[in-house]
C-alpha atoms as a PDB file:
ATOM      1  CA  MET A   1     151.673 227.702 160.425  1.00  0.00           C
ATOM      2  CA  SER A   2     149.059 228.267 157.758  1.00  0.00           C
ATOM      3  CA  LEU A   3     148.612 226.075 154.915  1.00  0.00           C
ATOM      4  CA  THR A   4     150.117 228.424 152.270  1.00  0.00           C
ATOM      5  CA  ASN A   5     153.389 228.216 154.882  1.00  0.00           C
ATOM      6  CA  LEU A   6     153.259 224.451 155.051  1.00  0.00           C
ATOM      7  CA  GLY A   7     153.061 224.185 151.289  1.00  0.00           C
ATOM      8  CA  MET A   8     156.035 226.814 151.351  1.00  0.00           C
ATOM      9  CA  VAL A   9     157.879 224.771 153.979  1.00  0.00           C
ATOM     10  CA  PHE A  10     157.183 221.597 151.844  1.00  0.00           C
ATOM     11  CA  ARG A  11     157.887 222.718 148.257  1.00  0.00           C
ATOM     12  CA  ARG A  12     161.612 224.103 149.930  1.00  0.00           C
ATOM     13  CA  THR A  13     162.319 220.829 151.286  1.00  0.00           C
ATOM     14  CA  THR A  14     161.655 219.282 148.328  1.00  0.00           C
ATOM     15  CA  ILE A  15     163.659 221.172 146.165  1.00  0.00           C
ATOM     16  CA  MET A  16     166.420 220.710 148.793  1.00  0.00           C
ATOM     17  CA  LEU A  17     166.127 216.894 148.914  1.00  0.00           C
ATOM     18  CA  ALA A  18     165.805 216.757 145.041  1.00  0.00           C
ATOM     19  CA  ALA A  19     169.081 219.043 145.144  1.00  0.00           C
ATOM     20  CA  ALA A  20     170.662 216.820 147.788  1.00  0.00           C
ATOM     21  CA  ALA A  21     169.848 213.828 145.443  1.00  0.00           C
ATOM     22  CA  LEU A  22     171.055 215.343 142.702  1.00  0.00           C
ATOM     23  CA  GLY A  23     174.255 216.488 143.983  1.00  0.00           C
ATOM     24  CA  THR A  24     175.017 212.933 145.770  1.00  0.00           C
ATOM     25  CA  GLY A  25     174.262 211.387 142.079  1.00  0.00           C
ATOM     26  CA  LEU A  26     176.892 213.864 140.273  1.00  0.00           C
ATOM     27  CA  LEU A  27     179.328 212.372 143.212  1.00  0.00           C
ATOM     28  CA  VAL A  28     178.576 208.925 142.548  1.00  0.00           C
ATOM     29  CA  GLY A  29     178.975 209.883 139.083  1.00  0.00           C
ATOM     30  CA  CYS A  30     182.178 211.618 139.351  1.00  0.00           C
ATOM     31  CA  GLY A  31     183.277 208.678 141.650  1.00  0.00           C
ATOM     32  CA  GLY A  32     182.790 205.914 139.352  1.00  0.00           C
ATOM     33  CA  SER A  33     184.058 207.771 136.560  1.00  0.00           C
ATOM     34  CA  THR A  34     187.642 208.629 138.573  1.00  0.00           C
ATOM     35  CA  ALA A  35     187.459 205.340 139.383  1.00  0.00           C
ATOM     36  CA  LYS A  36     187.079 204.075 135.818  1.00  0.00           C
ATOM     37  CA  ASN A  37     189.903 206.480 134.542  1.00  0.00           C
ATOM     38  CA  GLU A  38     191.700 205.250 137.473  1.00  0.00           C
ATOM     39  CA  ASN A  39     191.580 201.616 136.046  1.00  0.00           C
ATOM     40  CA  ALA A  40     192.177 202.397 132.318  1.00  0.00           C
ATOM     41  CA  ALA A  41     195.491 204.758 133.836  1.00  0.00           C
ATOM     42  CA  SER A  42     196.610 201.708 135.662  1.00  0.00           C
ATOM     43  CA  SER A  43     195.905 199.443 132.689  1.00  0.00           C
ATOM     44  CA  THR A  44     197.663 201.742 130.447  1.00  0.00           C
ATOM     45  CA  THR A  45     200.900 202.152 132.579  1.00  0.00           C
ATOM     46  CA  ALA A  46     201.149 198.218 132.882  1.00  0.00           C
ATOM     47  CA  ALA A  47     200.640 197.672 129.097  1.00  0.00           C
ATOM     48  CA  ALA A  48     203.600 200.902 128.984  1.00  0.00           C
ATOM     49  CA  GLU A  49     205.845 198.332 131.621  1.00  0.00           C
ATOM     50  CA  SER A  50     205.171 195.586 129.695  1.00  0.00           C
ATOM     51  CA  VAL A  51     208.097 194.576 126.946  1.00  0.00           C
ATOM     52  CA  SER A  52     207.182 193.321 123.910  1.00  0.00           C
ATOM     53  CA  ILE A  53     209.785 190.744 121.949  1.00  0.00           C
ATOM     54  CA  ALA A  54     209.368 190.075 118.638  1.00  0.00           C
ATOM     55  CA  HIS A  55     209.467 186.554 117.586  1.00  0.00           C
ATOM     56  CA  LYS A  56     209.279 183.907 114.652  1.00  0.00           C
ATOM     57  CA  PHE A  57     205.759 182.785 115.979  1.00  0.00           C
ATOM     58  CA  GLY A  58     204.602 186.853 116.348  1.00  0.00           C
ATOM     59  CA  GLU A  59     205.137 188.727 119.587  1.00  0.00           C
ATOM     60  CA  THR A  60     205.009 188.198 123.469  1.00  0.00           C
ATOM     61  CA  LYS A  61     204.384 190.715 125.976  1.00  0.00           C
ATOM     62  CA  VAL A  62     206.369 190.100 128.882  1.00  0.00           C
ATOM     63  CA  PRO A  63     205.483 191.850 132.527  1.00  0.00           C
ATOM     64  CA  ALA A  64     207.850 194.225 133.665  1.00  0.00           C
ATOM     65  CA  ASN A  65     210.388 193.231 135.776  1.00  0.00           C
ATOM     66  CA  PRO A  66     209.502 189.361 135.869  1.00  0.00           C
ATOM     67  CA  GLN A  67     211.039 187.634 138.915  1.00  0.00           C
ATOM     68  CA  ARG A  68     210.454 183.975 137.919  1.00  0.00           C
ATOM     69  CA  VAL A  69     212.193 183.040 135.165  1.00  0.00           C
ATOM     70  CA  VAL A  70     212.648 179.169 133.705  1.00  0.00           C
ATOM     71  CA  THR A  71     214.542 178.753 130.789  1.00  0.00           C
ATOM     72  CA  VAL A  72     213.870 175.782 128.345  1.00  0.00           C
ATOM     73  CA  GLY A  73     216.331 176.610 125.814  1.00  0.00           C
ATOM     74  CA  TRP A  74     220.043 174.596 126.142  1.00  0.00           C
ATOM     75  CA  ASN A  75     221.746 177.237 126.977  1.00  0.00           C
ATOM     76  CA  ASP A  76     219.557 180.513 128.091  1.00  0.00           C
ATOM     77  CA  GLN A  77     220.001 180.181 131.706  1.00  0.00           C
ATOM     78  CA  ASP A  78     223.865 181.464 130.889  1.00  0.00           C
ATOM     79  CA  ASP A  79     222.214 184.786 129.900  1.00  0.00           C
ATOM     80  CA  VAL A  80     219.925 184.992 132.664  1.00  0.00           C
ATOM     81  CA  LEU A  81     222.424 185.015 135.145  1.00  0.00           C
ATOM     82  CA  ALA A  82     225.013 186.799 133.711  1.00  0.00           C
ATOM     83  CA  LEU A  83     221.995 189.453 133.944  1.00  0.00           C
ATOM     84  CA  GLY A  84     221.969 188.958 137.613  1.00  0.00           C
ATOM     85  CA  VAL A  85     218.643 186.585 138.093  1.00  0.00           C
ATOM     86  CA  VAL A  86     219.041 183.068 139.128  1.00  0.00           C
ATOM     87  CA  PRO A  87     216.256 181.076 137.265  1.00  0.00           C
ATOM     88  CA  VAL A  88     214.084 179.070 139.626  1.00  0.00           C
ATOM     89  CA  GLY A  89     214.609 176.329 136.772  1.00  0.00           C
ATOM     90  CA  THR A  90     216.140 175.481 133.643  1.00  0.00           C
ATOM     91  CA  ARG A  91     216.695 172.510 131.639  1.00  0.00           C
ATOM     92  CA  SER A  92     218.827 169.581 131.946  1.00  0.00           C
ATOM     93  CA  PHE A  93     221.946 169.644 130.134  1.00  0.00           C
ATOM     94  CA  PHE A  94     225.505 169.591 131.600  1.00  0.00           C
ATOM     95  CA  ASP A  95     225.873 167.981 134.853  1.00  0.00           C
ATOM     96  CA  ASN A  96     228.350 169.801 136.187  1.00  0.00           C
ATOM     97  CA  TYR A  97     227.020 173.236 134.851  1.00  0.00           C
ATOM     98  CA  ASN A  98     226.874 174.476 139.045  1.00  0.00           C
ATOM     99  CA  ASN A  99     230.505 173.686 139.303  1.00  0.00           C
ATOM    100  CA  PHE A 100     231.569 176.247 136.393  1.00  0.00           C
ATOM    101  CA  PRO A 101     233.439 178.906 137.825  1.00  0.00           C
ATOM    102  CA  TRP A 102     230.797 181.561 137.293  1.00  0.00           C
ATOM    103  CA  VAL A 103     227.732 179.691 137.914  1.00  0.00           C
ATOM    104  CA  LYS A 104     229.230 179.725 141.447  1.00  0.00           C
ATOM    105  CA  GLU A 105     229.556 183.005 141.535  1.00  0.00           C
ATOM    106  CA  ALA A 106     226.337 183.928 140.174  1.00  0.00           C
ATOM    107  CA  THR A 107     224.112 181.658 142.656  1.00  0.00           C
ATOM    108  CA  GLY A 108     226.939 181.761 145.830  1.00  0.00           C
ATOM    109  CA  GLY A 109     227.508 178.908 145.166  1.00  0.00           C
ATOM    110  CA  LYS A 110     223.611 177.513 145.635  1.00  0.00           C
ATOM    111  CA  GLY A 111     223.466 176.881 141.783  1.00  0.00           C
ATOM    112  CA  VAL A 112     220.216 176.587 139.661  1.00  0.00           C
ATOM    113  CA  PRO A 113     217.611 174.193 139.797  1.00  0.00           C
ATOM    114  CA  VAL A 114     216.972 171.745 137.178  1.00  0.00           C
ATOM    115  CA  ILE A 115     214.105 170.696 135.663  1.00  0.00           C
ATOM    116  CA  PRO A 116     214.099 166.968 135.406  1.00  0.00           C
ATOM    117  CA  GLY A 117     213.599 165.130 132.187  1.00  0.00           C
ATOM    118  CA  ASP A 118     215.139 165.003 128.375  1.00  0.00           C
ATOM    119  CA  GLU A 119     212.006 166.964 127.008  1.00  0.00           C
ATOM    120  CA  ILE A 120     210.197 170.112 127.988  1.00  0.00           C
ATOM    121  CA  ASN A 121     208.765 169.006 131.077  1.00  0.00           C
ATOM    122  CA  TYR A 122     205.327 170.846 131.108  1.00  0.00           C
ATOM    123  CA  GLU A 123     203.830 170.220 134.302  1.00  0.00           C
ATOM    124  CA  ALA A 124     207.216 170.597 136.393  1.00  0.00           C
ATOM    125  CA  ILE A 125     207.329 174.171 134.786  1.00  0.00           C
ATOM    126  CA  ALA A 126     204.274 174.941 135.262  1.00  0.00           C
ATOM    127  CA  LYS A 127     204.998 174.224 139.175  1.00  0.00           C
ATOM    128  CA  ALA A 128     208.033 176.412 139.042  1.00  0.00           C
ATOM    129  CA  LYS A 129     204.946 179.315 138.405  1.00  0.00           C
ATOM    130  CA  PRO A 130     207.007 180.861 136.272  1.00  0.00           C
ATOM    131  CA  ASP A 131     206.545 184.880 135.175  1.00  0.00           C
ATOM    132  CA  VAL A 132     208.863 184.570 131.649  1.00  0.00           C
ATOM    133  CA  ILE A 133     209.986 181.760 129.839  1.00  0.00           C
ATOM    134  CA  PHE A 134     212.729 181.438 127.444  1.00  0.00           C
ATOM    135  CA  ALA A 135     213.555 178.998 124.678  1.00  0.00           C
ATOM    136  CA  ILE A 136     215.776 180.768 122.396  1.00  0.00           C
ATOM    137  CA  TYR A 137     218.133 178.120 122.486  1.00  0.00           C
ATOM    138  CA  GLU A 138     216.212 175.215 121.410  1.00  0.00           C
ATOM    139  CA  THR A 139     214.356 174.439 118.369  1.00  0.00           C
ATOM    140  CA  ILE A 140     210.539 174.854 118.879  1.00  0.00           C
ATOM    141  CA  ASP A 141     207.719 174.593 117.266  1.00  0.00           C
ATOM    142  CA  LYS A 142     204.284 176.866 116.695  1.00  0.00           C
ATOM    143  CA  LYS A 143     202.532 173.533 119.322  1.00  0.00           C
ATOM    144  CA  THR A 144     205.274 174.023 121.732  1.00  0.00           C
ATOM    145  CA  TYR A 145     205.210 177.290 121.769  1.00  0.00           C
ATOM    146  CA  ASP A 146     200.909 177.263 122.518  1.00  0.00           C
ATOM    147  CA  GLN A 147     201.641 175.396 124.861  1.00  0.00           C
ATOM    148  CA  LEU A 148     204.532 177.246 126.780  1.00  0.00           C
ATOM    149  CA  SER A 149     202.286 179.635 126.483  1.00  0.00           C
ATOM    150  CA  GLN A 150     199.547 178.590 128.511  1.00  0.00           C
ATOM    151  CA  ILE A 151     202.005 178.447 131.333  1.00  0.00           C
ATOM    152  CA  ALA A 152     203.445 182.171 130.977  1.00  0.00           C
ATOM    153  CA  PRO A 153     204.768 184.537 128.403  1.00  0.00           C
ATOM    154  CA  THR A 154     207.092 182.735 126.377  1.00  0.00           C
ATOM    155  CA  VAL A 155     210.263 183.912 124.420  1.00  0.00           C
ATOM    156  CA  VAL A 156     211.394 182.395 121.268  1.00  0.00           C
ATOM    157  CA  GLN A 157     214.353 182.734 118.801  1.00  0.00           C
ATOM    158  CA  SER A 158     212.934 185.418 116.257  1.00  0.00           C
ATOM    159  CA  ASP A 159     212.852 184.186 112.306  1.00  0.00           C
ATOM    160  CA  LYS A 160     216.138 185.643 111.307  1.00  0.00           C
ATOM    161  CA  TYR A 161     218.174 182.953 112.169  1.00  0.00           C
ATOM    162  CA  ALA A 162     218.313 179.094 111.594  1.00  0.00           C
ATOM    163  CA  ASP A 163     216.783 177.559 114.676  1.00  0.00           C
ATOM    164  CA  GLU A 164     219.665 177.340 117.543  1.00  0.00           C
ATOM    165  CA  GLU A 165     221.398 179.425 115.231  1.00  0.00           C
ATOM    166  CA  THR A 166     220.943 182.760 117.235  1.00  0.00           C
ATOM    167  CA  PRO A 167     224.073 184.527 117.707  1.00  0.00           C
ATOM    168  CA  TRP A 168     225.185 184.611 121.441  1.00  0.00           C
ATOM    169  CA  ASP A 169     224.957 188.724 121.482  1.00  0.00           C
ATOM    170  CA  VAL A 170     221.501 188.774 119.802  1.00  0.00           C
ATOM    171  CA  GLN A 171     220.733 186.253 122.507  1.00  0.00           C
ATOM    172  CA  LEU A 172     221.925 187.925 125.531  1.00  0.00           C
ATOM    173  CA  LEU A 173     220.508 191.498 123.861  1.00  0.00           C
ATOM    174  CA  THR A 174     216.557 189.684 123.580  1.00  0.00           C
ATOM    175  CA  ILE A 175     217.007 188.208 127.217  1.00  0.00           C
ATOM    176  CA  GLY A 176     218.126 191.620 128.418  1.00  0.00           C
ATOM    177  CA  LYS A 177     215.606 193.200 126.397  1.00  0.00           C
ATOM    178  CA  ALA A 178     212.807 190.810 128.312  1.00  0.00           C
ATOM    179  CA  LEU A 179     213.698 191.164 131.945  1.00  0.00           C
ATOM    180  CA  GLY A 180     214.068 194.764 131.481  1.00  0.00           C
ATOM    181  CA  LYS A 181     218.142 194.950 131.579  1.00  0.00           C
ATOM    182  CA  GLU A 182     218.765 196.063 128.210  1.00  0.00           C
ATOM    183  CA  THR A 183     221.566 198.287 129.922  1.00  0.00           C
ATOM    184  CA  ARG A 184     223.699 195.543 131.189  1.00  0.00           C
ATOM    185  CA  ALA A 185     222.783 193.587 128.284  1.00  0.00           C
ATOM    186  CA  GLN A 186     224.990 196.044 125.986  1.00  0.00           C
ATOM    187  CA  ALA A 187     227.520 196.579 128.597  1.00  0.00           C
ATOM    188  CA  LEU A 188     228.369 192.624 128.322  1.00  0.00           C
ATOM    189  CA  VAL A 189     227.749 192.467 124.924  1.00  0.00           C
ATOM    190  CA  ASP A 190     230.350 195.447 124.693  1.00  0.00           C
ATOM    191  CA  LYS A 191     232.925 193.839 127.275  1.00  0.00           C
ATOM    192  CA  VAL A 192     233.113 190.745 125.159  1.00  0.00           C
ATOM    193  CA  LYS A 193     233.668 192.113 121.955  1.00  0.00           C
ATOM    194  CA  VAL A 194     236.550 194.635 122.695  1.00  0.00           C
ATOM    195  CA  LYS A 195     238.130 191.445 124.666  1.00  0.00           C
ATOM    196  CA  ILE A 196     237.963 189.465 121.168  1.00  0.00           C
ATOM    197  CA  ASP A 197     238.890 192.661 118.952  1.00  0.00           C
ATOM    198  CA  GLU A 198     241.917 193.381 121.856  1.00  0.00           C
ATOM    199  CA  THR A 199     242.884 189.333 121.235  1.00  0.00           C
ATOM    200  CA  LYS A 200     242.486 189.692 117.387  1.00  0.00           C
ATOM    201  CA  THR A 201     244.842 192.383 117.250  1.00  0.00           C
ATOM    202  CA  ALA A 202     247.339 190.817 120.133  1.00  0.00           C
ATOM    203  CA  HIS A 203     247.710 187.309 117.647  1.00  0.00           C
ATOM    204  CA  PRO A 204     247.055 188.481 113.679  1.00  0.00           C
ATOM    205  CA  GLU A 205     248.449 184.984 113.098  1.00  0.00           C
ATOM    206  CA  PHE A 206     244.857 183.767 113.912  1.00  0.00           C
ATOM    207  CA  ALA A 207     243.418 185.899 110.805  1.00  0.00           C
ATOM    208  CA  ASP A 208     242.124 183.346 107.717  1.00  0.00           C
ATOM    209  CA  LYS A 209     243.904 180.194 109.228  1.00  0.00           C
ATOM    210  CA  THR A 210     241.222 177.288 108.915  1.00  0.00           C
ATOM    211  CA  LEU A 211     240.584 175.763 112.593  1.00  0.00           C
ATOM    212  CA  VAL A 212     238.332 172.559 112.008  1.00  0.00           C
ATOM    213  CA  ALA A 213     235.601 172.325 115.341  1.00  0.00           C
ATOM    214  CA  ASP A 214     235.098 168.695 116.291  1.00  0.00           C
ATOM    215  CA  TYR A 215     231.997 168.101 118.443  1.00  0.00           C
ATOM    216  CA  THR A 216     231.794 164.488 119.779  1.00  0.00           C
ATOM    217  CA  THR A 217     231.804 162.535 122.950  1.00  0.00           C
ATOM    218  CA  GLU A 218     232.813 159.411 120.905  1.00  0.00           C
ATOM    219  CA  LEU A 219     235.967 158.281 118.796  1.00  0.00           C
ATOM    220  CA  ASN A 220     234.178 157.105 116.062  1.00  0.00           C
ATOM    221  CA  SER A 221     231.641 159.630 116.078  1.00  0.00           C
ATOM    222  CA  GLN A 222     233.265 163.105 114.667  1.00  0.00           C
ATOM    223  CA  TYR A 223     230.882 165.899 113.701  1.00  0.00           C
ATOM    224  CA  LEU A 224     232.331 168.928 112.227  1.00  0.00           C
ATOM    225  CA  LEU A 225     230.748 172.372 113.415  1.00  0.00           C
ATOM    226  CA  PRO A 226     229.912 174.706 110.181  1.00  0.00           C
ATOM    227  CA  ALA A 227     230.613 178.454 110.456  1.00  0.00           C
ATOM    228  CA  GLY A 228     227.919 180.212 112.574  1.00  0.00           C
ATOM    229  CA  ASP A 229     227.192 177.367 114.667  1.00  0.00           C
ATOM    230  CA  PRO A 230     226.647 178.842 118.397  1.00  0.00           C
ATOM    231  CA  ARG A 231     229.436 176.559 119.367  1.00  0.00           C
ATOM    232  CA  ARG A 232     232.305 177.742 117.595  1.00  0.00           C
ATOM    233  CA  GLN A 233     231.267 180.809 116.808  1.00  0.00           C
ATOM    234  CA  LEU A 234     233.760 182.300 119.667  1.00  0.00           C
ATOM    235  CA  PHE A 235     236.805 181.039 117.116  1.00  0.00           C
ATOM    236  CA  ASP A 236     234.684 182.387 113.777  1.00  0.00           C
ATOM    237  CA  ALA A 237     234.726 185.890 115.931  1.00  0.00           C
ATOM    238  CA  LEU A 238     238.590 185.592 116.402  1.00  0.00           C
ATOM    239  CA  GLY A 239     238.940 185.461 112.578  1.00  0.00           C
ATOM    240  CA  PHE A 240     239.481 181.715 112.268  1.00  0.00           C
ATOM    241  CA  LYS A 241     237.741 180.144 109.013  1.00  0.00           C
ATOM    242  CA  ALA A 242     235.488 177.387 109.191  1.00  0.00           C
ATOM    243  CA  GLN A 243     236.537 174.167 107.534  1.00  0.00           C
ATOM    244  CA  GLN A 244     234.310 173.513 104.328  1.00  0.00           C
ATOM    245  CA  ASP A 245     232.355 170.255 105.015  1.00  0.00           C
ATOM    246  CA  SER A 246     230.559 170.086 108.493  1.00  0.00           C
ATOM    247  CA  GLY A 247     228.136 167.161 109.710  1.00  0.00           C
ATOM    248  CA  ASP A 248     228.919 163.236 110.802  1.00  0.00           C
ATOM    249  CA  VAL A 249     231.984 162.003 109.461  1.00  0.00           C
ATOM    250  CA  SER A 250     232.903 158.794 109.593  1.00  0.00           C
ATOM    251  CA  ASP A 251     236.968 157.082 110.262  1.00  0.00           C
ATOM    252  CA  GLU A 252     236.893 156.610 106.399  1.00  0.00           C
ATOM    253  CA  LYS A 253     236.665 159.800 106.050  1.00  0.00           C
ATOM    254  CA  LEU A 254     239.371 161.500 109.097  1.00  0.00           C
ATOM    255  CA  SER A 255     241.315 163.523 107.046  1.00  0.00           C
ATOM    256  CA  LEU A 256     238.401 165.737 106.194  1.00  0.00           C
ATOM    257  CA  LEU A 257     239.710 167.246 110.108  1.00  0.00           C
ATOM    258  CA  GLU A 258     243.121 168.572 108.526  1.00  0.00           C
ATOM    259  CA  GLY A 259     243.634 172.070 109.181  1.00  0.00           C
ATOM    260  CA  ASP A 260     245.697 174.745 110.056  1.00  0.00           C
ATOM    261  CA  VAL A 261     243.920 174.331 113.984  1.00  0.00           C
ATOM    262  CA  LEU A 262     241.828 170.865 114.898  1.00  0.00           C
ATOM    263  CA  PHE A 263     239.514 171.396 117.984  1.00  0.00           C
ATOM    264  CA  VAL A 264     238.382 168.501 119.514  1.00  0.00           C
ATOM    265  CA  ASN A 265     235.263 169.473 121.615  1.00  0.00           C
ATOM    266  CA  GLY A 266     234.483 166.335 123.550  1.00  0.00           C
ATOM    267  CA  LEU A 267     237.280 164.155 123.595  1.00  0.00           C
ATOM    268  CA  SER A 268     240.781 164.309 126.120  1.00  0.00           C
ATOM    269  CA  LYS A 269     243.543 163.796 124.524  1.00  0.00           C
ATOM    270  CA  GLU A 270     244.268 160.556 126.086  1.00  0.00           C
ATOM    271  CA  GLN A 271     241.177 159.350 124.469  1.00  0.00           C
ATOM    272  CA  VAL A 272     241.957 160.603 121.116  1.00  0.00           C
ATOM    273  CA  ALA A 273     245.685 158.617 121.529  1.00  0.00           C
ATOM    274  CA  GLY A 274     243.687 155.772 121.197  1.00  0.00           C
ATOM    275  CA  SER A 275     242.566 155.939 117.580  1.00  0.00           C
ATOM    276  CA  PRO A 276     245.382 154.683 115.559  1.00  0.00           C
ATOM    277  CA  ALA A 277     243.526 156.666 112.450  1.00  0.00           C
ATOM    278  CA  PHE A 278     243.436 160.065 115.039  1.00  0.00           C
ATOM    279  CA  SER A 279     246.770 159.499 115.342  1.00  0.00           C
ATOM    280  CA  ARG A 280     247.861 159.508 111.815  1.00  0.00           C
ATOM    281  CA  LEU A 281     246.844 162.588 111.134  1.00  0.00           C
ATOM    282  CA  LYS A 282     249.190 165.701 110.639  1.00  0.00           C
ATOM    283  CA  VAL A 283     247.908 168.267 112.312  1.00  0.00           C
ATOM    284  CA  VAL A 284     247.586 165.527 115.841  1.00  0.00           C
ATOM    285  CA  GLN A 285     251.378 164.492 114.778  1.00  0.00           C
ATOM    286  CA  ASP A 286     252.223 168.122 114.685  1.00  0.00           C
ATOM    287  CA  GLY A 287     250.977 169.090 118.109  1.00  0.00           C
ATOM    288  CA  ARG A 288     248.918 171.683 116.468  1.00  0.00           C
ATOM    289  CA  THR A 289     245.558 170.031 117.880  1.00  0.00           C
ATOM    290  CA  LEU A 290     243.288 170.865 121.224  1.00  0.00           C
ATOM    291  CA  TYR A 291     241.048 169.258 123.641  1.00  0.00           C
ATOM    292  CA  ALA A 292     238.019 169.899 125.802  1.00  0.00           C
ATOM    293  CA  GLY A 293     237.005 166.842 127.320  1.00  0.00           C
ATOM    294  CA  SER A 294     233.121 166.251 128.099  1.00  0.00           C
ATOM    295  CA  ASP A 295     233.233 166.988 131.141  1.00  0.00           C
ATOM    296  CA  SER A 296     235.549 170.168 131.492  1.00  0.00           C
ATOM    297  CA  THR A 297     234.810 173.685 132.200  1.00  0.00           C
ATOM    298  CA  LEU A 298     236.209 175.039 128.355  1.00  0.00           C
ATOM    299  CA  SER A 299     233.880 172.834 126.760  1.00  0.00           C
ATOM    300  CA  GLY A 300     231.059 173.891 128.521  1.00  0.00           C
ATOM    301  CA  ALA A 301     231.743 177.768 127.939  1.00  0.00           C
ATOM    302  CA  LEU A 302     232.304 177.047 124.491  1.00  0.00           C
ATOM    303  CA  THR A 303     228.499 175.224 124.708  1.00  0.00           C
ATOM    304  CA  TYR A 304     226.677 177.947 127.174  1.00  0.00           C
ATOM    305  CA  SER A 305     228.467 181.012 125.353  1.00  0.00           C
ATOM    306  CA  GLY A 306     227.268 183.240 127.634  1.00  0.00           C
ATOM    307  CA  PRO A 307     229.543 186.471 128.129  1.00  0.00           C
ATOM    308  CA  GLU A 308     230.891 185.423 131.163  1.00  0.00           C
ATOM    309  CA  ALA A 309     231.711 182.021 129.292  1.00  0.00           C
ATOM    310  CA  LEU A 310     233.205 183.469 126.542  1.00  0.00           C
ATOM    311  CA  LEU A 311     235.758 185.098 128.665  1.00  0.00           C
ATOM    312  CA  TYR A 312     236.460 182.226 130.546  1.00  0.00           C
ATOM    313  CA  ALA A 313     237.274 180.299 126.971  1.00  0.00           C
ATOM    314  CA  LEU A 314     238.981 183.319 125.671  1.00  0.00           C
ATOM    315  CA  ASN A 315     241.398 183.805 128.834  1.00  0.00           C
ATOM    316  CA  VAL A 316     242.058 179.534 128.139  1.00  0.00           C
ATOM    317  CA  LEU A 317     242.389 179.311 124.645  1.00  0.00           C
ATOM    318  CA  THR A 318     244.059 182.415 123.338  1.00  0.00           C
ATOM    319  CA  PRO A 319     247.366 181.394 124.046  1.00  0.00           C
ATOM    320  CA  GLN A 320     247.335 177.813 123.210  1.00  0.00           C
ATOM    321  CA  LEU A 321     245.788 179.133 120.044  1.00  0.00           C
ATOM    322  CA  SER A 322     248.585 181.199 119.392  1.00  0.00           C
ATOM    323  CA  ASN A 323     251.326 178.483 120.016  1.00  0.00           C
ATOM    324  CA  ALA A 324     249.862 175.767 117.583  1.00  0.00           C
ATOM    325  CA  LEU A 325     250.332 178.167 114.750  1.00  0.00           C
ATOM    326  CA  THR A 326     253.417 179.227 115.801  1.00  0.00           C
ATOM    327  CA  GLY A 327     255.180 175.940 116.467  1.00  0.00           C
ATOM    328  CA  LYS A 328     255.208 176.439 120.266  1.00  0.00           C
ATOM    329  CA  PRO A 329     254.741 173.552 122.524  1.00  0.00           C
ATOM    330  CA  VAL A 330     250.578 173.154 123.345  1.00  0.00           C
ATOM    331  CA  THR A 331     249.638 172.697 126.641  1.00  0.00           C
ATOM    332  CA  ASP A 332     247.028 169.763 127.493  1.00  0.00           C
ATOM    333  CA  LEU A 333     243.119 171.886 127.803  1.00  0.00           C
ATOM    334  CA  SER A 334     241.363 168.183 128.229  1.00  0.00           C
ATOM    335  CA  ASN A 335     240.434 169.283 131.553  1.00  0.00           C
ATOM    336  CA  SER A 336     240.521 172.741 131.866  1.00  0.00           C
END
């Protein structure tokens, strides 16, 4: 082969190698670009799937479909359970919570694991490895929020309400949104509100009557719940007015407990009978007083205020509230 032909072959080979190298570069470049695009798309999808919850400290992004839930609020677990999720850890509150009928049904009798301690137990919460933490029905300051947020995305109440005064339906809808279960949460809210409306229609005697809500576990230490307090919100929803005074009441001022109806949450009828001052109240003597002992399911239902708890309380309370206002004998609900 002549030198000229060799040169031509060399040049053709060089051109082919260069083209191959260029092609490889283009492929690598395209591959890199594709990978970047796929990663960006994945990040965008993840961001789109996460849920943003606005609250008093700003906003929390909750990952899509959180499976491991920890509740720090005193009653948040009741809403989580109603939405079909069993928390992996919950705040210690009522010792008999797992025995309540709606809790046994929701957990198949297994109950909800309790995080020990009277205060927020950060170490135990971290060990539970939550995807999200709910701390709505609790007084949470910024420092506490920041500490919880270091463990997992944390949802607290909005700034529209005072601490521990978020209405039951707002609380349920907030938790439903965070869990990606808004439709189910709204259906539960509607179910309870329909039941309340039906009860009000069937019992016009409730309208504008004053119901005094006494929340206590000691005879010599009464505490009157104001309108809007979550522990008496069912009575408010039924059309009852709250007493004018609220807060601690001494034995010398027990007359503040007088009203059309008195509801004692935390003491049984037998316990109240041990107080001469209590027994002298006209609302007690006339049989217009209802009782829920501290260990009763009724007391728990009004305190936790999840949708199933409220329906339970409605079924138990409605006939006895009516009896109290219409002069009929009132059944003792101390252990209901």
